[in-house]
Structure formats: C-alpha cells, structure tokens
Amino acid sequence: MLEYSMFERLPFRSQEEAIARDGTLIAQRHHKGWTVTLFALHHTFVELWSGRDAEVFSTFKKSARAVDVLEPYLEGMDIQDYLKFQK
C-alpha cells in the first residue's frame, strides 16, 4: 500500500501509474480553467489538476474530512447512484 506522503514524492509518471493501477475515479469539476479530477487511492483522496499547459497531482492531509474534500464536487455528482449501494 502506497501512503499518501510517499505518493507525493513519486515522479509524475509513477503517480500516474499508481492512480491507473490502484485509484478509483470519484468525480470531476472545473475551476478557473482547470479540470480537476478526484480519485480515491488507498484510503486517501488525490486530485489531478489538468490545465492547458500542465498536469499536477495533489493530495490531502490525513486530517482532511471527506465531506470537506467532496464538497466542491457535489454539484456535479448524482448522489442517487451512490444511495443505491446503501440498501
């Protein structure tokens, strides 16, 4: 299991491979010309910020609350899809 602090130290290509191999796509949003994609990776959240000239992964501190991480994405998410799994 790759801890989030170790993920941050990896080169971009290795981060990309880790997300492709072990990550789960959660949601996507747009912010000031960037496309921001949220992934879950080994019990933490990772964002991929994609712009016209750059792509950057960012992670959240372990102390970040899931509700705070997910809040900017809620407008574009269909919560009904997730509620089906709660039954």
Protein backbone atom coordinates (compact mmCIF):
# COMPACT_ATOMS: atom_id res chain seq x y z
CA MET A 1 0.00 0.00 0.00
CA LEU A 2 1.29 3.41 -1.01
CA GLU A 3 0.95 6.00 1.74
CA TYR A 4 -0.07 9.50 0.64
CA SER A 5 3.21 11.09 1.78
CA MET A 6 5.11 8.54 -0.34
CA PHE A 7 2.80 9.24 -3.28
CA GLU A 8 3.69 12.94 -3.16
CA ARG A 9 7.40 12.15 -3.51
CA LEU A 10 7.00 9.99 -6.61
CA PRO A 11 7.75 11.41 -10.05
CA PHE A 12 4.63 12.38 -12.01
CA ARG A 13 4.81 9.31 -14.27
CA SER A 14 4.87 6.99 -11.24
CA GLN A 15 1.97 8.87 -9.65
CA GLU A 16 0.05 8.45 -12.88
CA GLU A 17 0.76 4.71 -12.90
CA ALA A 18 -0.33 4.35 -9.26
CA ILE A 19 -3.63 6.11 -9.99
CA ALA A 20 -4.22 3.98 -13.10
CA ARG A 21 -3.42 0.77 -11.22
CA ASP A 22 -5.00 1.37 -7.79
CA GLY A 23 -7.06 4.55 -7.97
CA THR A 24 -10.83 4.90 -8.17
CA LEU A 25 -12.34 7.83 -10.07
CA ILE A 26 -14.78 9.68 -7.80
CA ALA A 27 -15.76 12.91 -9.56
CA GLN A 28 -14.67 15.74 -11.81
CA ARG A 29 -15.16 19.51 -11.75
CA HIS A 30 -13.87 22.66 -13.45
CA HIS A 31 -12.17 25.52 -11.64
CA LYS A 32 -10.65 28.64 -13.22
CA GLY A 33 -9.59 26.97 -16.46
CA TRP A 34 -8.51 23.72 -14.80
CA THR A 35 -10.19 20.33 -14.98
CA VAL A 36 -9.92 18.78 -11.51
CA THR A 37 -10.42 15.03 -11.19
CA LEU A 38 -10.84 13.43 -7.76
CA PHE A 39 -9.59 9.91 -7.12
CA ALA A 40 -9.56 7.66 -4.06
CA LEU A 41 -6.22 5.92 -3.57
CA HIS A 42 -5.52 3.69 -0.58
CA HIS A 43 -7.87 5.45 1.86
CA THR A 44 -6.94 8.97 0.81
CA PHE A 45 -8.05 11.46 -1.83
CA VAL A 46 -5.89 12.59 -4.74
CA GLU A 47 -6.73 15.34 -7.21
CA LEU A 48 -5.38 15.64 -10.73
CA TRP A 49 -5.35 19.26 -11.88
CA SER A 50 -5.21 19.37 -15.69
CA GLY A 51 -4.67 22.66 -17.45
CA ARG A 52 -3.78 23.66 -20.94
CA ASP A 53 -0.03 23.52 -20.26
CA ALA A 54 0.34 21.38 -17.14
CA GLU A 55 -0.93 18.45 -15.08
CA VAL A 56 -0.33 18.21 -11.34
CA PHE A 57 -1.37 15.70 -8.70
CA SER A 58 -2.21 16.97 -5.23
CA THR A 59 -3.08 15.08 -2.08
CA PHE A 60 -4.88 15.94 1.13
CA LYS A 61 -3.61 15.72 4.68
CA LYS A 62 -4.87 12.72 6.63
CA SER A 63 -6.73 15.16 8.89
CA ALA A 64 -8.88 16.39 5.95
CA ARG A 65 -12.53 15.45 6.41
CA ALA A 66 -14.10 13.58 3.49
CA VAL A 67 -17.09 15.93 3.48
CA ASP A 68 -14.74 18.91 3.00
CA VAL A 69 -12.89 17.21 0.15
CA LEU A 70 -16.10 16.16 -1.61
CA GLU A 71 -18.00 19.45 -1.16
CA PRO A 72 -16.69 21.20 -4.32
CA TYR A 73 -17.72 18.17 -6.38
CA LEU A 74 -21.26 17.69 -5.06
CA GLU A 75 -22.96 19.96 -7.57
CA GLY A 76 -21.84 17.75 -10.46
CA MET A 77 -22.48 14.41 -8.74
CA ASP A 78 -25.65 12.33 -8.95
CA ILE A 79 -25.97 11.22 -5.33
CA GLN A 80 -28.78 8.79 -6.24
CA ASP A 81 -26.20 6.49 -7.86
CA TYR A 82 -24.35 6.23 -4.54
CA LEU A 83 -27.50 5.75 -2.46
CA LYS A 84 -28.32 2.55 -4.38
CA PHE A 85 -25.33 0.89 -2.73
CA GLN A 86 -26.55 1.79 0.77
CA LYS A 87 -29.57 -0.55 0.59
